[in-house]
Amino acid sequence: MLKWALIFLLISLVAGFLGFRGVSSAAATVAKVLFAIALILFLIFVVLAFMAGSAAL
């Protein structure tokens, strides 16, 4: 699950870079939404990875 968290982190960083850099207004809006979604998914998967790791102990 940590692999998925890292994938979503990468997606959020790319979307954030494009969205907050000001490419165009339509693309920036889409990139900001993707940034928020991917960042939330990243946080969820990090928590799940730590919970699964502690359950294995």
PDB file of N, CA and C in Angstrom:
ATOM      1  N   MET A   1       0.816  -1.189   0.000  1.00  0.00           N
ATOM      2  CA  MET A   1       0.000   0.000   0.000  1.00  0.00           C
ATOM      3  C   MET A   1       0.858   1.251   0.000  1.00  0.00           C
ATOM      4  N   LEU A   2       2.061   1.136   0.491  1.00  0.00           N
ATOM      5  CA  LEU A   2       2.938   2.289   0.484  1.00  0.00           C
ATOM      6  C   LEU A   2       3.305   2.669  -0.949  1.00  0.00           C
ATOM      7  N   LYS A   3       3.327   1.664  -1.832  1.00  0.00           N
ATOM      8  CA  LYS A   3       3.597   1.944  -3.238  1.00  0.00           C
ATOM      9  C   LYS A   3       2.513   2.848  -3.815  1.00  0.00           C
ATOM     10  N   TRP A   4       1.249   2.574  -3.476  1.00  0.00           N
ATOM     11  CA  TRP A   4       0.148   3.411  -3.962  1.00  0.00           C
ATOM     12  C   TRP A   4       0.235   4.813  -3.381  1.00  0.00           C
ATOM     13  N   ALA A   5       0.640   4.917  -2.140  1.00  0.00           N
ATOM     14  CA  ALA A   5       0.781   6.232  -1.514  1.00  0.00           C
ATOM     15  C   ALA A   5       1.829   7.061  -2.243  1.00  0.00           C
ATOM     16  N   LEU A   6       2.929   6.431  -2.612  1.00  0.00           N
ATOM     17  CA  LEU A   6       3.969   7.153  -3.336  1.00  0.00           C
ATOM     18  C   LEU A   6       3.521   7.539  -4.740  1.00  0.00           C
ATOM     19  N   ILE A   7       2.736   6.683  -5.380  1.00  0.00           N
ATOM     20  CA  ILE A   7       2.203   7.013  -6.705  1.00  0.00           C
ATOM     21  C   ILE A   7       1.283   8.222  -6.619  1.00  0.00           C
ATOM     22  N   PHE A   8       0.398   8.242  -5.614  1.00  0.00           N
ATOM     23  CA  PHE A   8      -0.502   9.381  -5.467  1.00  0.00           C
ATOM     24  C   PHE A   8       0.254  10.642  -5.068  1.00  0.00           C
ATOM     25  N   LEU A   9       1.343  10.509  -4.331  1.00  0.00           N
ATOM     26  CA  LEU A   9       2.161  11.670  -4.005  1.00  0.00           C
ATOM     27  C   LEU A   9       2.768  12.255  -5.271  1.00  0.00           C
ATOM     28  N   LEU A  10       3.274  11.400  -6.136  1.00  0.00           N
ATOM     29  CA  LEU A  10       3.856  11.863  -7.388  1.00  0.00           C
ATOM     30  C   LEU A  10       2.810  12.557  -8.256  1.00  0.00           C
ATOM     31  N   ILE A  11       1.623  11.976  -8.352  1.00  0.00           N
ATOM     32  CA  ILE A  11       0.544  12.584  -9.130  1.00  0.00           C
ATOM     33  C   ILE A  11       0.167  13.937  -8.550  1.00  0.00           C
ATOM     34  N   SER A  12       0.077  14.027  -7.233  1.00  0.00           N
ATOM     35  CA  SER A  12      -0.306  15.297  -6.620  1.00  0.00           C
ATOM     36  C   SER A  12       0.766  16.358  -6.817  1.00  0.00           C
ATOM     37  N   LEU A  13       2.026  15.969  -6.781  1.00  0.00           N
ATOM     38  CA  LEU A  13       3.091  16.943  -6.995  1.00  0.00           C
ATOM     39  C   LEU A  13       3.089  17.477  -8.424  1.00  0.00           C
ATOM     40  N   VAL A  14       2.900  16.604  -9.389  1.00  0.00           N
ATOM     41  CA  VAL A  14       2.850  17.039 -10.790  1.00  0.00           C
ATOM     42  C   VAL A  14       1.634  17.925 -11.034  1.00  0.00           C
ATOM     43  N   ALA A  15       0.477  17.507 -10.532  1.00  0.00           N
ATOM     44  CA  ALA A  15      -0.734  18.307 -10.718  1.00  0.00           C
ATOM     45  C   ALA A  15      -0.619  19.644  -9.997  1.00  0.00           C
ATOM     46  N   GLY A  16      -0.041  19.643  -8.817  1.00  0.00           N
ATOM     47  CA  GLY A  16       0.151  20.890  -8.087  1.00  0.00           C
ATOM     48  C   GLY A  16       1.108  21.819  -8.802  1.00  0.00           C
ATOM     49  N   PHE A  17       2.173  21.272  -9.349  1.00  0.00           N
ATOM     50  CA  PHE A  17       3.130  22.086 -10.095  1.00  0.00           C
ATOM     51  C   PHE A  17       2.470  22.744 -11.294  1.00  0.00           C
ATOM     52  N   LEU A  18       1.680  21.962 -12.032  1.00  0.00           N
ATOM     53  CA  LEU A  18       1.014  22.520 -13.209  1.00  0.00           C
ATOM     54  C   LEU A  18      -0.108  23.479 -12.831  1.00  0.00           C
ATOM     55  N   GLY A  19      -0.841  23.163 -11.779  1.00  0.00           N
ATOM     56  CA  GLY A  19      -1.985  23.982 -11.402  1.00  0.00           C
ATOM     57  C   GLY A  19      -1.615  25.300 -10.770  1.00  0.00           C
ATOM     58  N   PHE A  20      -0.601  25.297  -9.944  1.00  0.00           N
ATOM     59  CA  PHE A  20      -0.244  26.511  -9.229  1.00  0.00           C
ATOM     60  C   PHE A  20       0.783  27.345  -9.980  1.00  0.00           C
ATOM     61  N   ARG A  21       1.280  26.827 -11.069  1.00  0.00           N
ATOM     62  CA  ARG A  21       2.216  27.573 -11.893  1.00  0.00           C
ATOM     63  C   ARG A  21       1.480  28.508 -12.832  1.00  0.00           C
ATOM     64  N   GLY A  22       0.224  28.218 -13.119  1.00  0.00           N
ATOM     65  CA  GLY A  22      -0.574  29.107 -13.951  1.00  0.00           C
ATOM     66  C   GLY A  22      -0.456  28.819 -15.437  1.00  0.00           C
ATOM     67  N   VAL A  23      -0.643  27.578 -15.831  1.00  0.00           N
ATOM     68  CA  VAL A  23      -0.558  27.199 -17.240  1.00  0.00           C
ATOM     69  C   VAL A  23      -1.661  27.898 -18.021  1.00  0.00           C
ATOM     70  N   SER A  24      -2.886  27.612 -17.725  1.00  0.00           N
ATOM     71  CA  SER A  24      -4.055  28.312 -18.250  1.00  0.00           C
ATOM     72  C   SER A  24      -5.156  28.146 -17.222  1.00  0.00           C
ATOM     73  N   SER A  25      -6.174  28.955 -17.317  1.00  0.00           N
ATOM     74  CA  SER A  25      -7.184  28.932 -16.250  1.00  0.00           C
ATOM     75  C   SER A  25      -7.936  27.602 -16.195  1.00  0.00           C
ATOM     76  N   ALA A  26      -8.306  27.045 -17.346  1.00  0.00           N
ATOM     77  CA  ALA A  26      -9.048  25.777 -17.352  1.00  0.00           C
ATOM     78  C   ALA A  26      -8.155  24.626 -16.885  1.00  0.00           C
ATOM     79  N   ALA A  27      -6.949  24.576 -17.399  1.00  0.00           N
ATOM     80  CA  ALA A  27      -6.028  23.512 -17.009  1.00  0.00           C
ATOM     81  C   ALA A  27      -5.608  23.660 -15.547  1.00  0.00           C
ATOM     82  N   ALA A  28      -5.486  24.890 -15.090  1.00  0.00           N
ATOM     83  CA  ALA A  28      -5.099  25.122 -13.698  1.00  0.00           C
ATOM     84  C   ALA A  28      -6.187  24.648 -12.748  1.00  0.00           C
ATOM     85  N   THR A  29      -7.436  24.872 -13.104  1.00  0.00           N
ATOM     86  CA  THR A  29      -8.540  24.424 -12.255  1.00  0.00           C
ATOM     87  C   THR A  29      -8.562  22.902 -12.161  1.00  0.00           C
ATOM     88  N   VAL A  30      -8.417  22.241 -13.287  1.00  0.00           N
ATOM     89  CA  VAL A  30      -8.401  20.774 -13.302  1.00  0.00           C
ATOM     90  C   VAL A  30      -7.201  20.255 -12.513  1.00  0.00           C
ATOM     91  N   ALA A  31      -6.051  20.879 -12.688  1.00  0.00           N
ATOM     92  CA  ALA A  31      -4.852  20.429 -11.986  1.00  0.00           C
ATOM     93  C   ALA A  31      -4.981  20.630 -10.480  1.00  0.00           C
ATOM     94  N   LYS A  32      -5.613  21.718 -10.064  1.00  0.00           N
ATOM     95  CA  LYS A  32      -5.799  21.951  -8.626  1.00  0.00           C
ATOM     96  C   LYS A  32      -6.743  20.917  -8.018  1.00  0.00           C
ATOM     97  N   VAL A  33      -7.778  20.541  -8.762  1.00  0.00           N
ATOM     98  CA  VAL A  33      -8.703  19.512  -8.274  1.00  0.00           C
ATOM     99  C   VAL A  33      -7.984  18.166  -8.190  1.00  0.00           C
ATOM    100  N   LEU A  34      -7.226  17.822  -9.218  1.00  0.00           N
ATOM    101  CA  LEU A  34      -6.463  16.569  -9.196  1.00  0.00           C
ATOM    102  C   LEU A  34      -5.432  16.571  -8.072  1.00  0.00           C
ATOM    103  N   PHE A  35      -4.831  17.718  -7.824  1.00  0.00           N
ATOM    104  CA  PHE A  35      -3.875  17.847  -6.728  1.00  0.00           C
ATOM    105  C   PHE A  35      -4.537  17.526  -5.397  1.00  0.00           C
ATOM    106  N   ALA A  36      -5.703  18.092  -5.165  1.00  0.00           N
ATOM    107  CA  ALA A  36      -6.407  17.869  -3.901  1.00  0.00           C
ATOM    108  C   ALA A  36      -6.821  16.406  -3.746  1.00  0.00           C
ATOM    109  N   ILE A  37      -7.362  15.822  -4.809  1.00  0.00           N
ATOM    110  CA  ILE A  37      -7.803  14.426  -4.755  1.00  0.00           C
ATOM    111  C   ILE A  37      -6.619  13.491  -4.519  1.00  0.00           C
ATOM    112  N   ALA A  38      -5.540  13.692  -5.273  1.00  0.00           N
ATOM    113  CA  ALA A  38      -4.378  12.814  -5.136  1.00  0.00           C
ATOM    114  C   ALA A  38      -3.712  12.985  -3.776  1.00  0.00           C
ATOM    115  N   LEU A  39      -3.708  14.204  -3.248  1.00  0.00           N
ATOM    116  CA  LEU A  39      -3.117  14.425  -1.931  1.00  0.00           C
ATOM    117  C   LEU A  39      -3.929  13.736  -0.838  1.00  0.00           C
ATOM    118  N   ILE A  40      -5.237  13.790  -0.945  1.00  0.00           N
ATOM    119  CA  ILE A  40      -6.102  13.105   0.019  1.00  0.00           C
ATOM    120  C   ILE A  40      -5.903  11.591  -0.070  1.00  0.00           C
ATOM    121  N   LEU A  41      -5.853  11.065  -1.296  1.00  0.00           N
ATOM    122  CA  LEU A  41      -5.622   9.625  -1.464  1.00  0.00           C
ATOM    123  C   LEU A  41      -4.251   9.223  -0.927  1.00  0.00           C
ATOM    124  N   PHE A  42      -3.253  10.071  -1.131  1.00  0.00           N
ATOM    125  CA  PHE A  42      -1.918   9.803  -0.592  1.00  0.00           C
ATOM    126  C   PHE A  42      -1.968   9.665   0.924  1.00  0.00           C
ATOM    127  N   LEU A  43      -2.627  10.596   1.582  1.00  0.00           N
ATOM    128  CA  LEU A  43      -2.711  10.555   3.043  1.00  0.00           C
ATOM    129  C   LEU A  43      -3.464   9.323   3.533  1.00  0.00           C
ATOM    130  N   ILE A  44      -4.540   8.966   2.838  1.00  0.00           N
ATOM    131  CA  ILE A  44      -5.311   7.780   3.215  1.00  0.00           C
ATOM    132  C   ILE A  44      -4.456   6.520   3.092  1.00  0.00           C
ATOM    133  N   PHE A  45      -3.727   6.391   1.979  1.00  0.00           N
ATOM    134  CA  PHE A  45      -2.921   5.196   1.769  1.00  0.00           C
ATOM    135  C   PHE A  45      -1.721   5.139   2.709  1.00  0.00           C
ATOM    136  N   VAL A  46      -1.180   6.280   3.103  1.00  0.00           N
ATOM    137  CA  VAL A  46      -0.096   6.270   4.090  1.00  0.00           C
ATOM    138  C   VAL A  46      -0.615   5.750   5.428  1.00  0.00           C
ATOM    139  N   VAL A  47      -1.777   6.233   5.836  1.00  0.00           N
ATOM    140  CA  VAL A  47      -2.370   5.768   7.093  1.00  0.00           C
ATOM    141  C   VAL A  47      -2.668   4.278   7.019  1.00  0.00           C
ATOM    142  N   LEU A  48      -3.234   3.821   5.905  1.00  0.00           N
ATOM    143  CA  LEU A  48      -3.530   2.396   5.752  1.00  0.00           C
ATOM    144  C   LEU A  48      -2.263   1.548   5.763  1.00  0.00           C
ATOM    145  N   ALA A  49      -1.193   2.056   5.159  1.00  0.00           N
ATOM    146  CA  ALA A  49       0.064   1.309   5.141  1.00  0.00           C
ATOM    147  C   ALA A  49       0.627   1.166   6.546  1.00  0.00           C
ATOM    148  N   PHE A  50       0.552   2.221   7.338  1.00  0.00           N
ATOM    149  CA  PHE A  50       1.049   2.133   8.708  1.00  0.00           C
ATOM    150  C   PHE A  50       0.165   1.247   9.567  1.00  0.00           C
ATOM    151  N   MET A  51      -1.133   1.281   9.334  1.00  0.00           N
ATOM    152  CA  MET A  51      -2.040   0.420  10.096  1.00  0.00           C
ATOM    153  C   MET A  51      -1.812  -1.043   9.743  1.00  0.00           C
ATOM    154  N   ALA A  52      -1.594  -1.330   8.472  1.00  0.00           N
ATOM    155  CA  ALA A  52      -1.344  -2.708   8.057  1.00  0.00           C
ATOM    156  C   ALA A  52       0.004  -3.184   8.590  1.00  0.00           C
ATOM    157  N   GLY A  53       0.973  -2.287   8.643  1.00  0.00           N
ATOM    158  CA  GLY A  53       2.282  -2.651   9.178  1.00  0.00           C
ATOM    159  C   GLY A  53       2.228  -2.944  10.659  1.00  0.00           C
ATOM    160  N   SER A  54       1.463  -2.168  11.398  1.00  0.00           N
ATOM    161  CA  SER A  54       1.372  -2.402  12.840  1.00  0.00           C
ATOM    162  C   SER A  54       0.512  -3.623  13.155  1.00  0.00           C
ATOM    163  N   ALA A  55      -0.429  -3.966  12.281  1.00  0.00           N
ATOM    164  CA  ALA A  55      -1.261  -5.149  12.495  1.00  0.00           C
ATOM    165  C   ALA A  55      -0.444  -6.422  12.283  1.00  0.00           C
ATOM    166  N   ALA A  56       0.572  -6.348  11.437  1.00  0.00           N
ATOM    167  CA  ALA A  56       1.406  -7.509  11.168  1.00  0.00           C
ATOM    168  C   ALA A  56       2.329  -7.817  12.341  1.00  0.00           C
ATOM    169  N   LEU A  57       2.576  -6.833  13.188  1.00  0.00           N
ATOM    170  CA  LEU A  57       3.446  -7.071  14.347  1.00  0.00           C
ATOM    171  C   LEU A  57       2.692  -7.891  15.329  1.00  0.00           C
TER     172      LEU A  57
END
